[in-house]
Amino acid sequence: MAWKEHDIQKVYYTIGEVAKLFNVTPSLIRFWEKEFDIIKPKRNAKSNRLFTPDDMANFRVIYHLVKERGFTLEGAKKHLHSHKDKSVEEVTQAEAIKTLLSIRELLVELRDQKPRVTAKA
């Protein structure tokens, strides 16, 4: 499952944390940073990348377009430049739909379970 906006609790995220939250490799995060100009991490004294919550929101959109919707990198770049606000809304709606579907699955599973027999005292 991809990162969710309510997971924002920190001021900065390391590349390892970002990779773990999106279930991708750090090398993919570095690659996306080079490919998408909307990702602009800060650097600490050791030159380690530190990603802001804004970077995380941008990663979320990139992840959705590339990994979930199957856009090519060029297609994702074009979509971001022409539909930035709409892209964020699409991601939010897609995550809401996934959440609702998982709740529905849980409810169907609960409905279909056989009633438990309890011992009476």
PDB file of N, CA and C in Angstrom:
ATOM      1  N   MET A   1       0.846  -1.173   0.000  1.00  0.00           N
ATOM      2  CA  MET A   1       0.000   0.000   0.000  1.00  0.00           C
ATOM      3  C   MET A   1       0.893   1.238   0.000  1.00  0.00           C
ATOM      4  N   ALA A   2       0.512   2.189  -0.787  1.00  0.00           N
ATOM      5  CA  ALA A   2       1.302   3.406  -0.902  1.00  0.00           C
ATOM      6  C   ALA A   2       1.108   4.312   0.309  1.00  0.00           C
ATOM      7  N   TRP A   3       1.987   5.241   0.422  1.00  0.00           N
ATOM      8  CA  TRP A   3       1.977   6.219   1.494  1.00  0.00           C
ATOM      9  C   TRP A   3       0.658   6.977   1.504  1.00  0.00           C
ATOM     10  N   LYS A   4       0.212   7.377   2.666  1.00  0.00           N
ATOM     11  CA  LYS A   4      -1.023   8.141   2.807  1.00  0.00           C
ATOM     12  C   LYS A   4      -0.718   9.463   3.477  1.00  0.00           C
ATOM     13  N   GLU A   5      -1.518  10.459   3.138  1.00  0.00           N
ATOM     14  CA  GLU A   5      -1.258  11.807   3.622  1.00  0.00           C
ATOM     15  C   GLU A   5      -1.274  11.904   5.139  1.00  0.00           C
ATOM     16  N   HIS A   6      -2.123  11.121   5.809  1.00  0.00           N
ATOM     17  CA  HIS A   6      -2.170  11.220   7.263  1.00  0.00           C
ATOM     18  C   HIS A   6      -0.912  10.673   7.927  1.00  0.00           C
ATOM     19  N   ASP A   7      -0.024  10.051   7.129  1.00  0.00           N
ATOM     20  CA  ASP A   7       1.229   9.554   7.675  1.00  0.00           C
ATOM     21  C   ASP A   7       2.243  10.682   7.914  1.00  0.00           C
ATOM     22  N   ILE A   8       1.917  11.884   7.456  1.00  0.00           N
ATOM     23  CA  ILE A   8       2.848  13.006   7.634  1.00  0.00           C
ATOM     24  C   ILE A   8       2.907  13.359   9.116  1.00  0.00           C
ATOM     25  N   GLN A   9       4.049  13.126   9.716  1.00  0.00           N
ATOM     26  CA  GLN A   9       4.235  13.453  11.124  1.00  0.00           C
ATOM     27  C   GLN A   9       5.596  14.107  11.344  1.00  0.00           C
ATOM     28  N   LYS A  10       6.420  14.103  10.339  1.00  0.00           N
ATOM     29  CA  LYS A  10       7.782  14.586  10.493  1.00  0.00           C
ATOM     30  C   LYS A  10       8.013  15.795   9.602  1.00  0.00           C
ATOM     31  N   VAL A  11       9.057  16.535   9.919  1.00  0.00           N
ATOM     32  CA  VAL A  11       9.440  17.678   9.103  1.00  0.00           C
ATOM     33  C   VAL A  11      10.256  17.204   7.911  1.00  0.00           C
ATOM     34  N   TYR A  12      11.121  16.208   8.114  1.00  0.00           N
ATOM     35  CA  TYR A  12      11.952  15.668   7.040  1.00  0.00           C
ATOM     36  C   TYR A  12      11.942  14.145   7.079  1.00  0.00           C
ATOM     37  N   TYR A  13      12.035  13.556   5.902  1.00  0.00           N
ATOM     38  CA  TYR A  13      12.132  12.107   5.751  1.00  0.00           C
ATOM     39  C   TYR A  13      13.428  11.776   5.024  1.00  0.00           C
ATOM     40  N   THR A  14      14.108  10.728   5.471  1.00  0.00           N
ATOM     41  CA  THR A  14      15.307  10.274   4.764  1.00  0.00           C
ATOM     42  C   THR A  14      14.878   9.470   3.539  1.00  0.00           C
ATOM     43  N   ILE A  15      15.817   9.230   2.655  1.00  0.00           N
ATOM     44  CA  ILE A  15      15.507   8.480   1.452  1.00  0.00           C
ATOM     45  C   ILE A  15      15.052   7.051   1.784  1.00  0.00           C
ATOM     46  N   GLY A  16      15.640   6.478   2.824  1.00  0.00           N
ATOM     47  CA  GLY A  16      15.236   5.136   3.247  1.00  0.00           C
ATOM     48  C   GLY A  16      13.803   5.113   3.759  1.00  0.00           C
ATOM     49  N   GLU A  17      13.418   6.127   4.511  1.00  0.00           N
ATOM     50  CA  GLU A  17      12.049   6.210   5.007  1.00  0.00           C
ATOM     51  C   GLU A  17      11.054   6.385   3.864  1.00  0.00           C
ATOM     52  N   VAL A  18      11.412   7.238   2.903  1.00  0.00           N
ATOM     53  CA  VAL A  18      10.544   7.457   1.746  1.00  0.00           C
ATOM     54  C   VAL A  18      10.369   6.156   0.975  1.00  0.00           C
ATOM     55  N   ALA A  19      11.466   5.473   0.723  1.00  0.00           N
ATOM     56  CA  ALA A  19      11.416   4.209  -0.014  1.00  0.00           C
ATOM     57  C   ALA A  19      10.549   3.191   0.710  1.00  0.00           C
ATOM     58  N   LYS A  20      10.689   3.117   2.019  1.00  0.00           N
ATOM     59  CA  LYS A  20       9.910   2.157   2.799  1.00  0.00           C
ATOM     60  C   LYS A  20       8.424   2.507   2.780  1.00  0.00           C
ATOM     61  N   LEU A  21       8.095   3.781   2.914  1.00  0.00           N
ATOM     62  CA  LEU A  21       6.694   4.204   2.908  1.00  0.00           C
ATOM     63  C   LEU A  21       5.993   3.893   1.586  1.00  0.00           C
ATOM     64  N   PHE A  22       6.739   3.971   0.487  1.00  0.00           N
ATOM     65  CA  PHE A  22       6.153   3.691  -0.833  1.00  0.00           C
ATOM     66  C   PHE A  22       6.435   2.269  -1.315  1.00  0.00           C
ATOM     67  N   ASN A  23       7.153   1.509  -0.507  1.00  0.00           N
ATOM     68  CA  ASN A  23       7.498   0.128  -0.849  1.00  0.00           C
ATOM     69  C   ASN A  23       8.240   0.047  -2.196  1.00  0.00           C
ATOM     70  N   VAL A  24       9.236   0.927  -2.338  1.00  0.00           N
ATOM     71  CA  VAL A  24      10.110   0.946  -3.513  1.00  0.00           C
ATOM     72  C   VAL A  24      11.554   1.011  -3.027  1.00  0.00           C
ATOM     73  N   THR A  25      12.490   0.933  -3.952  1.00  0.00           N
ATOM     74  CA  THR A  25      13.903   0.996  -3.572  1.00  0.00           C
ATOM     75  C   THR A  25      14.384   2.446  -3.490  1.00  0.00           C
ATOM     76  N   PRO A  26      15.401   2.710  -2.671  1.00  0.00           N
ATOM     77  CA  PRO A  26      15.969   4.060  -2.623  1.00  0.00           C
ATOM     78  C   PRO A  26      16.478   4.520  -3.995  1.00  0.00           C
ATOM     79  N   SER A  27      16.959   3.582  -4.810  1.00  0.00           N
ATOM     80  CA  SER A  27      17.443   3.984  -6.137  1.00  0.00           C
ATOM     81  C   SER A  27      16.300   4.526  -7.001  1.00  0.00           C
ATOM     82  N   LEU A  28      15.098   3.989  -6.832  1.00  0.00           N
ATOM     83  CA  LEU A  28      13.950   4.517  -7.585  1.00  0.00           C
ATOM     84  C   LEU A  28      13.609   5.926  -7.098  1.00  0.00           C
ATOM     85  N   ILE A  29      13.723   6.166  -5.813  1.00  0.00           N
ATOM     86  CA  ILE A  29      13.470   7.506  -5.270  1.00  0.00           C
ATOM     87  C   ILE A  29      14.481   8.494  -5.855  1.00  0.00           C
ATOM     88  N   ARG A  30      15.764   8.104  -5.899  1.00  0.00           N
ATOM     89  CA  ARG A  30      16.789   8.976  -6.494  1.00  0.00           C
ATOM     90  C   ARG A  30      16.495   9.221  -7.977  1.00  0.00           C
ATOM     91  N   PHE A  31      16.076   8.180  -8.669  1.00  0.00           N
ATOM     92  CA  PHE A  31      15.760   8.300 -10.092  1.00  0.00           C
ATOM     93  C   PHE A  31      14.596   9.267 -10.300  1.00  0.00           C
ATOM     94  N   TRP A  32      13.516   9.108  -9.528  1.00  0.00           N
ATOM     95  CA  TRP A  32      12.374  10.012  -9.656  1.00  0.00           C
ATOM     96  C   TRP A  32      12.769  11.441  -9.315  1.00  0.00           C
ATOM     97  N   GLU A  33      13.657  11.604  -8.352  1.00  0.00           N
ATOM     98  CA  GLU A  33      14.125  12.949  -7.998  1.00  0.00           C
ATOM     99  C   GLU A  33      14.785  13.622  -9.203  1.00  0.00           C
ATOM    100  N   LYS A  34      15.586  12.853  -9.940  1.00  0.00           N
ATOM    101  CA  LYS A  34      16.260  13.407 -11.121  1.00  0.00           C
ATOM    102  C   LYS A  34      15.284  13.661 -12.267  1.00  0.00           C
ATOM    103  N   GLU A  35      14.296  12.807 -12.409  1.00  0.00           N
ATOM    104  CA  GLU A  35      13.360  12.887 -13.527  1.00  0.00           C
ATOM    105  C   GLU A  35      12.267  13.944 -13.347  1.00  0.00           C
ATOM    106  N   PHE A  36      11.836  14.166 -12.121  1.00  0.00           N
ATOM    107  CA  PHE A  36      10.716  15.073 -11.864  1.00  0.00           C
ATOM    108  C   PHE A  36      11.211  16.306 -11.127  1.00  0.00           C
ATOM    109  N   ASP A  37      11.062  17.460 -11.764  1.00  0.00           N
ATOM    110  CA  ASP A  37      11.574  18.698 -11.182  1.00  0.00           C
ATOM    111  C   ASP A  37      10.758  19.192  -9.989  1.00  0.00           C
ATOM    112  N   ILE A  38       9.643  18.550  -9.685  1.00  0.00           N
ATOM    113  CA  ILE A  38       8.849  18.963  -8.523  1.00  0.00           C
ATOM    114  C   ILE A  38       9.396  18.385  -7.222  1.00  0.00           C
ATOM    115  N   ILE A  39      10.337  17.460  -7.316  1.00  0.00           N
ATOM    116  CA  ILE A  39      10.967  16.873  -6.130  1.00  0.00           C
ATOM    117  C   ILE A  39      12.260  17.633  -5.866  1.00  0.00           C
ATOM    118  N   LYS A  40      12.303  18.321  -4.730  1.00  0.00           N
ATOM    119  CA  LYS A  40      13.481  19.137  -4.395  1.00  0.00           C
ATOM    120  C   LYS A  40      13.874  18.906  -2.933  1.00  0.00           C
ATOM    121  N   PRO A  41      14.595  17.832  -2.665  1.00  0.00           N
ATOM    122  CA  PRO A  41      14.960  17.559  -1.272  1.00  0.00           C
ATOM    123  C   PRO A  41      16.001  18.551  -0.750  1.00  0.00           C
ATOM    124  N   LYS A  42      15.956  18.736   0.547  1.00  0.00           N
ATOM    125  CA  LYS A  42      16.996  19.512   1.220  1.00  0.00           C
ATOM    126  C   LYS A  42      18.194  18.570   1.406  1.00  0.00           C
ATOM    127  N   ARG A  43      19.333  19.125   1.760  1.00  0.00           N
ATOM    128  CA  ARG A  43      20.526  18.320   2.050  1.00  0.00           C
ATOM    129  C   ARG A  43      21.050  18.714   3.424  1.00  0.00           C
ATOM    130  N   ASN A  44      21.481  17.711   4.192  1.00  0.00           N
ATOM    131  CA  ASN A  44      22.079  18.022   5.490  1.00  0.00           C
ATOM    132  C   ASN A  44      23.589  18.215   5.317  1.00  0.00           C
ATOM    133  N   ALA A  45      24.309  18.360   6.413  1.00  0.00           N
ATOM    134  CA  ALA A  45      25.757  18.607   6.363  1.00  0.00           C
ATOM    135  C   ALA A  45      26.509  17.459   5.690  1.00  0.00           C
ATOM    136  N   LYS A  46      25.983  16.244   5.787  1.00  0.00           N
ATOM    137  CA  LYS A  46      26.616  15.094   5.141  1.00  0.00           C
ATOM    138  C   LYS A  46      26.131  14.900   3.710  1.00  0.00           C
ATOM    139  N   SER A  47      25.311  15.833   3.218  1.00  0.00           N
ATOM    140  CA  SER A  47      24.756  15.809   1.871  1.00  0.00           C
ATOM    141  C   SER A  47      23.706  14.710   1.675  1.00  0.00           C
ATOM    142  N   ASN A  48      23.148  14.222   2.775  1.00  0.00           N
ATOM    143  CA  ASN A  48      22.048  13.261   2.673  1.00  0.00           C
ATOM    144  C   ASN A  48      20.768  13.993   2.273  1.00  0.00           C
ATOM    145  N   ARG A  49      19.952  13.333   1.475  1.00  0.00           N
ATOM    146  CA  ARG A  49      18.691  13.918   1.063  1.00  0.00           C
ATOM    147  C   ARG A  49      17.705  13.913   2.228  1.00  0.00           C
ATOM    148  N   LEU A  50      16.996  15.027   2.387  1.00  0.00           N
ATOM    149  CA  LEU A  50      15.942  15.140   3.385  1.00  0.00           C
ATOM    150  C   LEU A  50      14.691  15.640   2.669  1.00  0.00           C
ATOM    151  N   PHE A  51      13.679  14.806   2.614  1.00  0.00           N
ATOM    152  CA  PHE A  51      12.471  15.117   1.873  1.00  0.00           C
ATOM    153  C   PHE A  51      11.420  15.741   2.785  1.00  0.00           C
ATOM    154  N   THR A  52      10.786  16.795   2.299  1.00  0.00           N
ATOM    155  CA  THR A  52       9.761  17.523   3.045  1.00  0.00           C
ATOM    156  C   THR A  52       8.395  16.886   2.829  1.00  0.00           C
ATOM    157  N   PRO A  53       7.407  17.274   3.629  1.00  0.00           N
ATOM    158  CA  PRO A  53       6.044  16.793   3.380  1.00  0.00           C
ATOM    159  C   PRO A  53       5.536  17.143   1.969  1.00  0.00           C
ATOM    160  N   ASP A  54       5.947  18.293   1.433  1.00  0.00           N
ATOM    161  CA  ASP A  54       5.571  18.637   0.047  1.00  0.00           C
ATOM    162  C   ASP A  54       6.173  17.639  -0.937  1.00  0.00           C
ATOM    163  N   ASP A  55       7.429  17.264  -0.715  1.00  0.00           N
ATOM    164  CA  ASP A  55       8.053  16.245  -1.560  1.00  0.00           C
ATOM    165  C   ASP A  55       7.279  14.935  -1.457  1.00  0.00           C
ATOM    166  N   MET A  56       6.855  14.597  -0.246  1.00  0.00           N
ATOM    167  CA  MET A  56       6.110  13.357  -0.036  1.00  0.00           C
ATOM    168  C   MET A  56       4.790  13.384  -0.797  1.00  0.00           C
ATOM    169  N   ALA A  57       4.105  14.515  -0.783  1.00  0.00           N
ATOM    170  CA  ALA A  57       2.848  14.636  -1.525  1.00  0.00           C
ATOM    171  C   ALA A  57       3.113  14.494  -3.024  1.00  0.00           C
ATOM    172  N   ASN A  58       4.221  15.063  -3.495  1.00  0.00           N
ATOM    173  CA  ASN A  58       4.576  14.936  -4.915  1.00  0.00           C
ATOM    174  C   ASN A  58       4.934  13.492  -5.258  1.00  0.00           C
ATOM    175  N   PHE A  59       5.653  12.821  -4.365  1.00  0.00           N
ATOM    176  CA  PHE A  59       5.954  11.401  -4.586  1.00  0.00           C
ATOM    177  C   PHE A  59       4.663  10.594  -4.670  1.00  0.00           C
ATOM    178  N   ARG A  60       3.711  10.952  -3.831  1.00  0.00           N
ATOM    179  CA  ARG A  60       2.435  10.240  -3.821  1.00  0.00           C
ATOM    180  C   ARG A  60       1.755  10.334  -5.187  1.00  0.00           C
ATOM    181  N   VAL A  61       1.779  11.520  -5.787  1.00  0.00           N
ATOM    182  CA  VAL A  61       1.175  11.703  -7.105  1.00  0.00           C
ATOM    183  C   VAL A  61       1.967  10.932  -8.163  1.00  0.00           C
ATOM    184  N   ILE A  62       3.289  11.029  -8.104  1.00  0.00           N
ATOM    185  CA  ILE A  62       4.134  10.313  -9.068  1.00  0.00           C
ATOM    186  C   ILE A  62       3.904   8.812  -8.942  1.00  0.00           C
ATOM    187  N   TYR A  63       3.883   8.307  -7.721  1.00  0.00           N
ATOM    188  CA  TYR A  63       3.659   6.880  -7.490  1.00  0.00           C
ATOM    189  C   TYR A  63       2.314   6.456  -8.095  1.00  0.00           C
ATOM    190  N   HIS A  64       1.295   7.247  -7.844  1.00  0.00           N
ATOM    191  CA  HIS A  64      -0.041   6.929  -8.362  1.00  0.00           C
ATOM    192  C   HIS A  64      -0.038   6.877  -9.889  1.00  0.00           C
ATOM    193  N   LEU A  65       0.551   7.882 -10.508  1.00  0.00           N
ATOM    194  CA  LEU A  65       0.545   7.936 -11.974  1.00  0.00           C
ATOM    195  C   LEU A  65       1.358   6.802 -12.588  1.00  0.00           C
ATOM    196  N   VAL A  66       2.560   6.566 -12.062  1.00  0.00           N
ATOM    197  CA  VAL A  66       3.477   5.595 -12.670  1.00  0.00           C
ATOM    198  C   VAL A  66       3.147   4.161 -12.253  1.00  0.00           C
ATOM    199  N   LYS A  67       2.983   3.936 -10.970  1.00  0.00           N
ATOM    200  CA  LYS A  67       2.817   2.567 -10.468  1.00  0.00           C
ATOM    201  C   LYS A  67       1.372   2.075 -10.510  1.00  0.00           C
ATOM    202  N   GLU A  68       0.422   2.946 -10.227  1.00  0.00           N
ATOM    203  CA  GLU A  68      -0.967   2.508 -10.140  1.00  0.00           C
ATOM    204  C   GLU A  68      -1.727   2.701 -11.445  1.00  0.00           C
ATOM    205  N   ARG A  69      -1.462   3.778 -12.154  1.00  0.00           N
ATOM    206  CA  ARG A  69      -2.180   4.034 -13.405  1.00  0.00           C
ATOM    207  C   ARG A  69      -1.395   3.613 -14.637  1.00  0.00           C
ATOM    208  N   GLY A  70      -0.119   3.284 -14.473  1.00  0.00           N
ATOM    209  CA  GLY A  70       0.677   2.763 -15.575  1.00  0.00           C
ATOM    210  C   GLY A  70       1.190   3.797 -16.561  1.00  0.00           C
ATOM    211  N   PHE A  71       1.306   5.039 -16.145  1.00  0.00           N
ATOM    212  CA  PHE A  71       1.845   6.083 -17.019  1.00  0.00           C
ATOM    213  C   PHE A  71       3.330   5.822 -17.274  1.00  0.00           C
ATOM    214  N   THR A  72       3.798   6.201 -18.456  1.00  0.00           N
ATOM    215  CA  THR A  72       5.243   6.241 -18.684  1.00  0.00           C
ATOM    216  C   THR A  72       5.774   7.466 -17.945  1.00  0.00           C
ATOM    217  N   LEU A  73       7.093   7.559 -17.795  1.00  0.00           N
ATOM    218  CA  LEU A  73       7.652   8.730 -17.116  1.00  0.00           C
ATOM    219  C   LEU A  73       7.324  10.012 -17.880  1.00  0.00           C
ATOM    220  N   GLU A  74       7.451   9.963 -19.194  1.00  0.00           N
ATOM    221  CA  GLU A  74       7.138  11.149 -20.001  1.00  0.00           C
ATOM    222  C   GLU A  74       5.661  11.507 -19.886  1.00  0.00           C
ATOM    223  N   GLY A  75       4.810  10.491 -19.902  1.00  0.00           N
ATOM    224  CA  GLY A  75       3.381  10.733 -19.760  1.00  0.00           C
ATOM    225  C   GLY A  75       3.042  11.328 -18.406  1.00  0.00           C
ATOM    226  N   ALA A  76       3.700  10.828 -17.358  1.00  0.00           N
ATOM    227  CA  ALA A  76       3.474  11.352 -16.008  1.00  0.00           C
ATOM    228  C   ALA A  76       3.942  12.807 -15.911  1.00  0.00           C
ATOM    229  N   LYS A  77       5.089  13.111 -16.519  1.00  0.00           N
ATOM    230  CA  LYS A  77       5.596  14.492 -16.503  1.00  0.00           C
ATOM    231  C   LYS A  77       4.613  15.429 -17.190  1.00  0.00           C
ATOM    232  N   LYS A  78       4.138  15.042 -18.361  1.00  0.00           N
ATOM    233  CA  LYS A  78       3.180  15.878 -19.096  1.00  0.00           C
ATOM    234  C   LYS A  78       1.899  16.061 -18.301  1.00  0.00           C
ATOM    235  N   HIS A  79       1.423  14.976 -17.712  1.00  0.00           N
ATOM    236  CA  HIS A  79       0.195  15.045 -16.919  1.00  0.00           C
ATOM    237  C   HIS A  79       0.377  15.976 -15.723  1.00  0.00           C
ATOM    238  N   LEU A  80       1.510  15.884 -15.060  1.00  0.00           N
ATOM    239  CA  LEU A  80       1.767  16.745 -13.902  1.00  0.00           C
ATOM    240  C   LEU A  80       1.813  18.217 -14.290  1.00  0.00           C
ATOM    241  N   HIS A  81       2.442  18.517 -15.411  1.00  0.00           N
ATOM    242  CA  HIS A  81       2.565  19.920 -15.820  1.00  0.00           C
ATOM    243  C   HIS A  81       1.231  20.506 -16.266  1.00  0.00           C
ATOM    244  N   SER A  82       0.359  19.678 -16.836  1.00  0.00           N
ATOM    245  CA  SER A  82      -0.906  20.216 -17.327  1.00  0.00           C
ATOM    246  C   SER A  82      -2.076  20.027 -16.372  1.00  0.00           C
ATOM    247  N   HIS A  83      -1.947  19.116 -15.402  1.00  0.00           N
ATOM    248  CA  HIS A  83      -3.062  18.820 -14.503  1.00  0.00           C
ATOM    249  C   HIS A  83      -2.621  18.693 -13.048  1.00  0.00           C
ATOM    250  N   LYS A  84      -1.754  19.537 -12.562  1.00  0.00           N
ATOM    251  CA  LYS A  84      -1.195  19.388 -11.220  1.00  0.00           C
ATOM    252  C   LYS A  84      -2.278  19.260 -10.147  1.00  0.00           C
ATOM    253  N   ASP A  85      -3.210  20.201 -10.103  1.00  0.00           N
ATOM    254  CA  ASP A  85      -4.243  20.165  -9.062  1.00  0.00           C
ATOM    255  C   ASP A  85      -5.159  18.965  -9.240  1.00  0.00           C
ATOM    256  N   LYS A  86      -5.480  18.642 -10.458  1.00  0.00           N
ATOM    257  CA  LYS A  86      -6.353  17.507 -10.732  1.00  0.00           C
ATOM    258  C   LYS A  86      -5.673  16.194 -10.339  1.00  0.00           C
ATOM    259  N   SER A  87      -4.359  16.093 -10.530  1.00  0.00           N
ATOM    260  CA  SER A  87      -3.627  14.874 -10.191  1.00  0.00           C
ATOM    261  C   SER A  87      -3.723  14.576  -8.698  1.00  0.00           C
ATOM    262  N   VAL A  88      -3.574  15.580  -7.874  1.00  0.00           N
ATOM    263  CA  VAL A  88      -3.665  15.398  -6.427  1.00  0.00           C
ATOM    264  C   VAL A  88      -5.074  14.943  -6.059  1.00  0.00           C
ATOM    265  N   GLU A  89      -6.078  15.534  -6.685  1.00  0.00           N
ATOM    266  CA  GLU A  89      -7.465  15.155  -6.419  1.00  0.00           C
ATOM    267  C   GLU A  89      -7.722  13.706  -6.843  1.00  0.00           C
ATOM    268  N   GLU A  90      -7.182  13.311  -8.000  1.00  0.00           N
ATOM    269  CA  GLU A  90      -7.341  11.932  -8.471  1.00  0.00           C
ATOM    270  C   GLU A  90      -6.738  10.938  -7.479  1.00  0.00           C
ATOM    271  N   VAL A  91      -5.569  11.252  -6.963  1.00  0.00           N
ATOM    272  CA  VAL A  91      -4.907  10.366  -6.009  1.00  0.00           C
ATOM    273  C   VAL A  91      -5.755  10.239  -4.749  1.00  0.00           C
ATOM    274  N   THR A  92      -6.262  11.344  -4.254  1.00  0.00           N
ATOM    275  CA  THR A  92      -7.093  11.334  -3.052  1.00  0.00           C
ATOM    276  C   THR A  92      -8.343  10.491  -3.277  1.00  0.00           C
ATOM    277  N   GLN A  93      -8.978  10.661  -4.435  1.00  0.00           N
ATOM    278  CA  GLN A  93     -10.168   9.881  -4.746  1.00  0.00           C
ATOM    279  C   GLN A  93      -9.834   8.404  -4.887  1.00  0.00           C
ATOM    280  N   ALA A  94      -8.724   8.092  -5.530  1.00  0.00           N
ATOM    281  CA  ALA A  94      -8.326   6.691  -5.715  1.00  0.00           C
ATOM    282  C   ALA A  94      -8.077   6.031  -4.360  1.00  0.00           C
ATOM    283  N   GLU A  95      -7.426   6.740  -3.440  1.00  0.00           N
ATOM    284  CA  GLU A  95      -7.171   6.184  -2.113  1.00  0.00           C
ATOM    285  C   GLU A  95      -8.468   6.009  -1.332  1.00  0.00           C
ATOM    286  N   ALA A  96      -9.401   6.943  -1.487  1.00  0.00           N
ATOM    287  CA  ALA A  96     -10.697   6.819  -0.806  1.00  0.00           C
ATOM    288  C   ALA A  96     -11.450   5.603  -1.338  1.00  0.00           C
ATOM    289  N   ILE A  97     -11.409   5.391  -2.638  1.00  0.00           N
ATOM    290  CA  ILE A  97     -12.075   4.236  -3.240  1.00  0.00           C
ATOM    291  C   ILE A  97     -11.461   2.943  -2.739  1.00  0.00           C
ATOM    292  N   LYS A  98     -10.129   2.881  -2.682  1.00  0.00           N
ATOM    293  CA  LYS A  98      -9.457   1.677  -2.171  1.00  0.00           C
ATOM    294  C   LYS A  98      -9.858   1.395  -0.729  1.00  0.00           C
ATOM    295  N   THR A  99      -9.916   2.435   0.077  1.00  0.00           N
ATOM    296  CA  THR A  99     -10.302   2.263   1.476  1.00  0.00           C
ATOM    297  C   THR A  99     -11.727   1.751   1.584  1.00  0.00           C
ATOM    298  N   LEU A 100     -12.626   2.333   0.810  1.00  0.00           N
ATOM    299  CA  LEU A 100     -14.019   1.888   0.844  1.00  0.00           C
ATOM    300  C   LEU A 100     -14.161   0.451   0.364  1.00  0.00           C
ATOM    301  N   LEU A 101     -13.417   0.087  -0.655  1.00  0.00           N
ATOM    302  CA  LEU A 101     -13.477  -1.296  -1.144  1.00  0.00           C
ATOM    303  C   LEU A 101     -12.952  -2.279  -0.105  1.00  0.00           C
ATOM    304  N   SER A 102     -11.898  -1.907   0.604  1.00  0.00           N
ATOM    305  CA  SER A 102     -11.379  -2.812   1.632  1.00  0.00           C
ATOM    306  C   SER A 102     -12.361  -2.937   2.796  1.00  0.00           C
ATOM    307  N   ILE A 103     -13.050  -1.858   3.134  1.00  0.00           N
ATOM    308  CA  ILE A 103     -14.075  -1.916   4.176  1.00  0.00           C
ATOM    309  C   ILE A 103     -15.226  -2.813   3.716  1.00  0.00           C
ATOM    310  N   ARG A 104     -15.601  -2.669   2.453  1.00  0.00           N
ATOM    311  CA  ARG A 104     -16.672  -3.508   1.907  1.00  0.00           C
ATOM    312  C   ARG A 104     -16.284  -4.989   1.970  1.00  0.00           C
ATOM    313  N   GLU A 105     -15.054  -5.300   1.581  1.00  0.00           N
ATOM    314  CA  GLU A 105     -14.586  -6.687   1.640  1.00  0.00           C
ATOM    315  C   GLU A 105     -14.661  -7.231   3.062  1.00  0.00           C
ATOM    316  N   LEU A 106     -14.266  -6.429   4.019  1.00  0.00           N
ATOM    317  CA  LEU A 106     -14.305  -6.841   5.412  1.00  0.00           C
ATOM    318  C   LEU A 106     -15.744  -7.099   5.857  1.00  0.00           C
ATOM    319  N   LEU A 107     -16.652  -6.204   5.485  1.00  0.00           N
ATOM    320  CA  LEU A 107     -18.048  -6.370   5.869  1.00  0.00           C
ATOM    321  C   LEU A 107     -18.663  -7.614   5.226  1.00  0.00           C
ATOM    322  N   VAL A 108     -18.354  -7.873   3.961  1.00  0.00           N
ATOM    323  CA  VAL A 108     -18.854  -9.069   3.288  1.00  0.00           C
ATOM    324  C   VAL A 108     -18.309 -10.317   3.969  1.00  0.00           C
ATOM    325  N   GLU A 109     -17.037 -10.281   4.317  1.00  0.00           N
ATOM    326  CA  GLU A 109     -16.418 -11.410   5.005  1.00  0.00           C
ATOM    327  C   GLU A 109     -17.092 -11.665   6.356  1.00  0.00           C
ATOM    328  N   LEU A 110     -17.357 -10.602   7.093  1.00  0.00           N
ATOM    329  CA  LEU A 110     -18.030 -10.743   8.383  1.00  0.00           C
ATOM    330  C   LEU A 110     -19.452 -11.280   8.211  1.00  0.00           C
ATOM    331  N   ARG A 111     -20.133 -10.804   7.181  1.00  0.00           N
ATOM    332  CA  ARG A 111     -21.498 -11.262   6.928  1.00  0.00           C
ATOM    333  C   ARG A 111     -21.530 -12.748   6.595  1.00  0.00           C
ATOM    334  N   ASP A 112     -20.528 -13.209   5.849  1.00  0.00           N
ATOM    335  CA  ASP A 112     -20.515 -14.586   5.371  1.00  0.00           C
ATOM    336  C   ASP A 112     -19.967 -15.583   6.381  1.00  0.00           C
ATOM    337  N   GLN A 113     -19.430 -15.104   7.483  1.00  0.00           N
ATOM    338  CA  GLN A 113     -18.897 -16.012   8.504  1.00  0.00           C
ATOM    339  C   GLN A 113     -20.052 -16.744   9.167  1.00  0.00           C
ATOM    340  N   LYS A 114     -19.797 -17.994   9.519  1.00  0.00           N
ATOM    341  CA  LYS A 114     -20.801 -18.781  10.232  1.00  0.00           C
ATOM    342  C   LYS A 114     -20.915 -18.226  11.649  1.00  0.00           C
ATOM    343  N   PRO A 115     -22.116 -18.198  12.175  1.00  0.00           N
ATOM    344  CA  PRO A 115     -22.252 -17.705  13.546  1.00  0.00           C
ATOM    345  C   PRO A 115     -21.546 -18.631  14.524  1.00  0.00           C
ATOM    346  N   ARG A 116     -20.916 -18.049  15.480  1.00  0.00           N
ATOM    347  CA  ARG A 116     -20.191 -18.826  16.484  1.00  0.00           C
ATOM    348  C   ARG A 116     -21.175 -19.342  17.533  1.00  0.00           C
ATOM    349  N   VAL A 117     -20.920 -20.546  17.948  1.00  0.00           N
ATOM    350  CA  VAL A 117     -21.734 -21.137  19.006  1.00  0.00           C
ATOM    351  C   VAL A 117     -21.057 -20.821  20.323  1.00  0.00           C
ATOM    352  N   THR A 118     -21.785 -20.172  21.208  1.00  0.00           N
ATOM    353  CA  THR A 118     -21.216 -19.825  22.497  1.00  0.00           C
ATOM    354  C   THR A 118     -21.840 -20.710  23.565  1.00  0.00           C
ATOM    355  N   ALA A 119     -21.053 -21.068  24.540  1.00  0.00           N
ATOM    356  CA  ALA A 119     -21.524 -21.914  25.643  1.00  0.00           C
ATOM    357  C   ALA A 119     -22.303 -21.052  26.612  1.00  0.00           C
ATOM    358  N   LYS A 120     -23.454 -21.569  27.011  1.00  0.00           N
ATOM    359  CA  LYS A 120     -24.272 -20.826  27.974  1.00  0.00           C
ATOM    360  C   LYS A 120     -23.939 -21.310  29.384  1.00  0.00           C
ATOM    361  N   ALA A 121     -23.875 -20.366  30.282  1.00  0.00           N
ATOM    362  CA  ALA A 121     -23.510 -20.704  31.653  1.00  0.00           C
ATOM    363  C   ALA A 121     -24.699 -21.192  32.441  1.00  0.00           C
TER     364      ALA A 121
END
